[in-house]
Amino acid sequence: MINVEKQVNLSEKKKCLRKQILKIRNEMPQRERQEKSEEIRQKLYQLPDYQKADVIFAYVDYQTEVITTPILEKAITDGKEVYCPRVDGMEMDFYRIMGLEDLAEGYKGIREPLPETERMYTALGKEESRRIFMLMPGAVFDKDRHRIGYGKGFYDRYLSRMENIGIFVAALAYEKQMVQKIPAEPHDIRPDIIITEENIYGNFLAEKN
């Protein structure tokens, strides 16, 4: 039997924690966010799993999130296929971009790829041999890699759909977004690693043949 009261309590705890940590993030001075974002990016670039990736799924930074625009530009320059998320109703898909000019204001003012169906990433199931590395945003994280997103569940649903593809997921966050413990639920999907300006938390992808 589902314990509805327990689920409601967990949901409320998550909402309170999200509100508290986002307030802290939003109050960070712009220069501090820029400097810490650069430190996070440099940690990312040094990861073998990122360097060896053929395909990058990356969120486009919005408001006070860790800044990803330079990552998109560098990955494209380095010859990687870059895909960014686009929301359609309650679902999210990733579309390939060839440059920042392929992004336009979309869901809640977030920059999204133009909706050209032929550019949407289509899973090839077990035939997918390319290394895929995803950059995931979020509101709150803990050292066990639990995550609180923004409340819509887009990444949980997308990764559930793609569970057979072998996507390596790295969340980007400021150290101020890390807490001791997050109230977790069974359906929550954890990133493989969390990169902050101070630490890298989590497990690294085993070498693929």
Protein backbone atom coordinates (compact mmCIF):
# COMPACT_ATOMS: atom_id res chain seq x y z
CA MET A 1 0.00 0.00 0.00
CA ILE A 2 1.29 3.45 -0.92
CA ASN A 3 1.93 5.69 2.04
CA VAL A 4 0.40 8.91 0.70
CA GLU A 5 1.20 10.89 3.85
CA LYS A 6 4.89 9.95 3.60
CA GLN A 7 5.00 10.98 -0.07
CA VAL A 8 3.40 14.34 0.73
CA ASN A 9 5.91 14.94 3.53
CA LEU A 10 8.83 14.10 1.24
CA SER A 11 7.46 16.40 -1.44
CA GLU A 12 7.09 19.26 1.03
CA LYS A 13 10.59 18.73 2.39
CA LYS A 14 11.98 18.84 -1.13
CA LYS A 15 10.08 22.03 -1.92
CA CYS A 16 11.40 23.75 1.21
CA LEU A 17 14.95 22.63 0.55
CA ARG A 18 14.73 23.71 -3.10
CA LYS A 19 13.47 27.15 -2.12
CA GLN A 20 16.16 27.58 0.53
CA ILE A 21 19.11 26.57 -1.68
CA LEU A 22 17.91 28.42 -4.77
CA LYS A 23 17.68 31.58 -2.65
CA ILE A 24 21.34 31.11 -1.70
CA ARG A 25 22.30 30.48 -5.32
CA ASN A 26 20.34 33.47 -6.58
CA GLU A 27 22.06 35.74 -4.07
CA MET A 28 25.56 34.88 -5.31
CA PRO A 29 27.20 37.90 -6.97
CA GLN A 30 27.47 37.57 -10.74
CA ARG A 31 31.26 37.75 -10.70
CA GLU A 32 31.40 34.89 -8.16
CA ARG A 33 29.13 32.76 -10.34
CA GLN A 34 31.29 33.47 -13.38
CA GLU A 35 34.52 32.59 -11.58
CA LYS A 36 33.14 29.41 -10.03
CA SER A 37 31.56 28.36 -13.33
CA GLU A 38 34.98 28.65 -14.97
CA GLU A 39 36.53 26.48 -12.23
CA ILE A 40 33.80 23.89 -12.77
CA ARG A 41 34.34 23.94 -16.52
CA GLN A 42 38.07 23.35 -16.13
CA LYS A 43 37.39 20.32 -13.92
CA LEU A 44 34.99 19.02 -16.55
CA TYR A 45 37.47 19.44 -19.42
CA GLN A 46 40.06 17.37 -17.55
CA LEU A 47 37.79 14.34 -17.13
CA PRO A 48 38.76 11.43 -19.45
CA ASP A 49 35.07 10.50 -19.76
CA TYR A 50 34.31 13.96 -21.13
CA GLN A 51 37.38 14.04 -23.37
CA LYS A 52 36.51 10.67 -24.92
CA ALA A 53 32.81 11.46 -25.40
CA ASP A 54 31.53 11.58 -28.98
CA VAL A 55 28.18 13.15 -28.04
CA ILE A 56 27.47 15.85 -25.46
CA PHE A 57 23.96 16.42 -24.09
CA ALA A 58 24.12 19.78 -22.34
CA TYR A 59 21.61 22.10 -20.71
CA VAL A 60 21.72 25.76 -21.69
CA ASP A 61 22.34 27.84 -18.57
CA TYR A 62 19.46 29.95 -17.31
CA GLN A 63 19.54 32.73 -14.72
CA THR A 64 21.90 31.67 -11.90
CA GLU A 65 22.80 28.15 -13.03
CA VAL A 66 26.40 27.08 -13.66
CA ILE A 67 27.26 28.71 -16.98
CA THR A 68 27.46 26.19 -19.84
CA THR A 69 27.59 28.36 -22.97
CA PRO A 70 31.41 28.13 -23.23
CA ILE A 71 31.13 24.33 -22.93
CA LEU A 72 28.75 24.20 -25.90
CA GLU A 73 31.09 26.31 -28.01
CA LYS A 74 34.21 24.32 -27.07
CA ALA A 75 32.55 20.94 -27.62
CA ILE A 76 31.38 21.98 -31.11
CA THR A 77 34.85 23.32 -31.94
CA ASP A 78 36.38 20.05 -30.70
CA GLY A 79 34.23 18.11 -33.16
CA LYS A 80 31.77 16.60 -30.71
CA GLU A 81 28.06 16.30 -31.52
CA VAL A 82 26.23 18.68 -29.18
CA TYR A 83 22.56 18.31 -28.25
CA CYS A 84 20.49 20.62 -26.04
CA PRO A 85 17.08 20.05 -24.42
CA ARG A 86 13.76 21.25 -25.75
CA VAL A 87 10.52 20.88 -23.77
CA ASP A 88 7.27 19.82 -25.42
CA GLY A 89 4.41 19.58 -22.94
CA MET A 90 5.61 17.33 -20.14
CA GLU A 91 8.36 15.68 -22.18
CA MET A 92 11.88 16.77 -23.06
CA ASP A 93 14.04 15.74 -26.00
CA PHE A 94 17.53 16.71 -27.12
CA TYR A 95 18.21 18.38 -30.47
CA ARG A 96 21.56 18.84 -32.15
CA ILE A 97 22.93 22.35 -32.46
CA MET A 98 25.72 23.46 -34.79
CA GLY A 99 26.23 26.77 -32.98
CA LEU A 100 24.64 29.14 -30.50
CA GLU A 101 22.64 30.66 -33.35
CA ASP A 102 20.54 27.46 -33.31
CA LEU A 103 19.13 28.45 -29.89
CA ALA A 104 16.08 30.65 -29.32
CA GLU A 105 14.03 31.61 -26.27
CA GLY A 106 11.58 28.86 -25.40
CA TYR A 107 10.15 27.14 -22.32
CA LYS A 108 9.98 29.67 -19.46
CA GLY A 109 12.46 31.90 -21.28
CA ILE A 110 15.17 29.23 -21.46
CA ARG A 111 17.14 29.08 -24.70
CA GLU A 112 16.22 25.94 -26.62
CA PRO A 113 17.13 24.40 -29.99
CA LEU A 114 14.87 25.08 -32.94
CA PRO A 115 12.31 22.24 -33.29
CA GLU A 116 13.69 20.56 -36.39
CA THR A 117 12.69 16.91 -36.11
CA GLU A 118 15.62 15.63 -38.14
CA ARG A 119 18.00 17.08 -35.54
CA MET A 120 16.37 15.31 -32.59
CA TYR A 121 18.50 12.63 -30.98
CA THR A 122 16.98 9.26 -31.74
CA ALA A 123 18.13 6.37 -29.60
CA LEU A 124 19.54 3.41 -31.48
CA GLY A 125 19.03 1.07 -28.54
CA LYS A 126 21.82 -1.40 -27.92
CA GLU A 127 23.32 -0.51 -31.30
CA GLU A 128 24.44 2.88 -29.95
CA SER A 129 28.23 2.67 -29.81
CA ARG A 130 29.05 6.34 -29.33
CA ARG A 131 30.08 7.65 -25.92
CA ILE A 132 27.38 10.01 -24.62
CA PHE A 133 28.10 12.47 -21.82
CA MET A 134 25.24 14.49 -20.32
CA LEU A 135 25.47 17.73 -18.34
CA MET A 136 22.54 18.00 -15.94
CA PRO A 137 21.36 21.05 -13.95
CA GLY A 138 19.62 20.95 -10.59
CA ALA A 139 18.68 22.88 -7.48
CA VAL A 140 20.07 20.78 -4.61
CA PHE A 141 22.50 17.84 -4.33
CA ASP A 142 24.09 15.72 -1.61
CA LYS A 143 27.34 13.74 -1.47
CA ASP A 144 25.48 10.50 -2.22
CA ARG A 145 24.50 12.11 -5.56
CA HIS A 146 20.84 12.54 -4.72
CA ARG A 147 19.32 15.45 -6.57
CA ILE A 148 16.40 17.82 -6.33
CA GLY A 149 15.54 19.36 -9.68
CA TYR A 150 13.09 22.12 -10.42
CA GLY A 151 9.99 20.05 -9.79
CA LYS A 152 8.88 18.94 -13.27
CA GLY A 153 10.79 15.65 -13.55
CA PHE A 154 12.02 16.20 -17.13
CA TYR A 155 15.44 14.62 -16.61
CA ASP A 156 14.10 11.68 -14.58
CA ARG A 157 11.64 10.82 -17.34
CA TYR A 158 14.13 11.33 -20.17
CA LEU A 159 16.83 9.20 -18.57
CA SER A 160 14.27 6.50 -17.77
CA ARG A 161 13.40 6.39 -21.47
CA MET A 162 17.10 6.14 -22.36
CA GLU A 163 18.17 3.69 -19.66
CA ASN A 164 19.61 1.21 -22.19
CA ILE A 165 21.77 3.77 -23.99
CA GLY A 166 24.56 4.08 -21.43
CA ILE A 167 24.54 7.85 -20.93
CA PHE A 168 27.14 9.10 -18.43
CA VAL A 169 25.56 11.92 -16.40
CA ALA A 170 27.48 14.75 -14.76
CA ALA A 171 25.57 17.34 -12.74
CA LEU A 172 27.07 20.82 -12.50
CA ALA A 173 26.52 22.78 -9.30
CA TYR A 174 28.11 25.28 -6.97
CA GLU A 175 29.41 23.94 -3.67
CA LYS A 176 26.73 26.08 -1.97
CA GLN A 177 24.12 23.79 -3.53
CA MET A 178 25.47 20.74 -1.67
CA VAL A 179 23.66 19.63 1.50
CA GLN A 180 24.24 16.83 3.99
CA LYS A 181 21.23 14.71 3.02
CA ILE A 182 18.35 14.94 0.56
CA PRO A 183 15.05 13.10 1.19
CA ALA A 184 15.18 10.62 -1.70
CA GLU A 185 12.42 8.67 -3.46
CA PRO A 186 12.80 5.36 -5.36
CA HIS A 187 12.11 6.93 -8.78
CA ASP A 188 14.76 9.65 -8.39
CA ILE A 189 17.63 9.23 -10.83
CA ARG A 190 21.08 10.15 -9.55
CA PRO A 191 23.85 11.58 -11.74
CA ASP A 192 27.05 9.54 -11.98
CA ILE A 193 29.07 12.47 -10.71
CA ILE A 194 28.54 16.01 -9.41
CA ILE A 195 31.12 18.64 -10.33
CA THR A 196 31.45 21.73 -8.15
CA GLU A 197 34.19 24.35 -8.03
CA GLU A 198 35.69 22.49 -5.04
CA ASN A 199 35.02 18.78 -5.56
CA ILE A 200 33.93 15.98 -7.83
CA TYR A 201 31.53 13.60 -6.13
CA GLY A 202 30.59 10.16 -7.43
CA ASN A 203 31.56 7.27 -9.64
CA PHE A 204 33.36 7.32 -12.95
CA LEU A 205 32.34 5.42 -16.04
CA ALA A 206 34.24 2.19 -16.68
CA GLU A 207 36.16 2.03 -19.93
CA LYS A 208 34.13 0.95 -22.93
CA ASN A 209 35.68 -1.48 -25.35
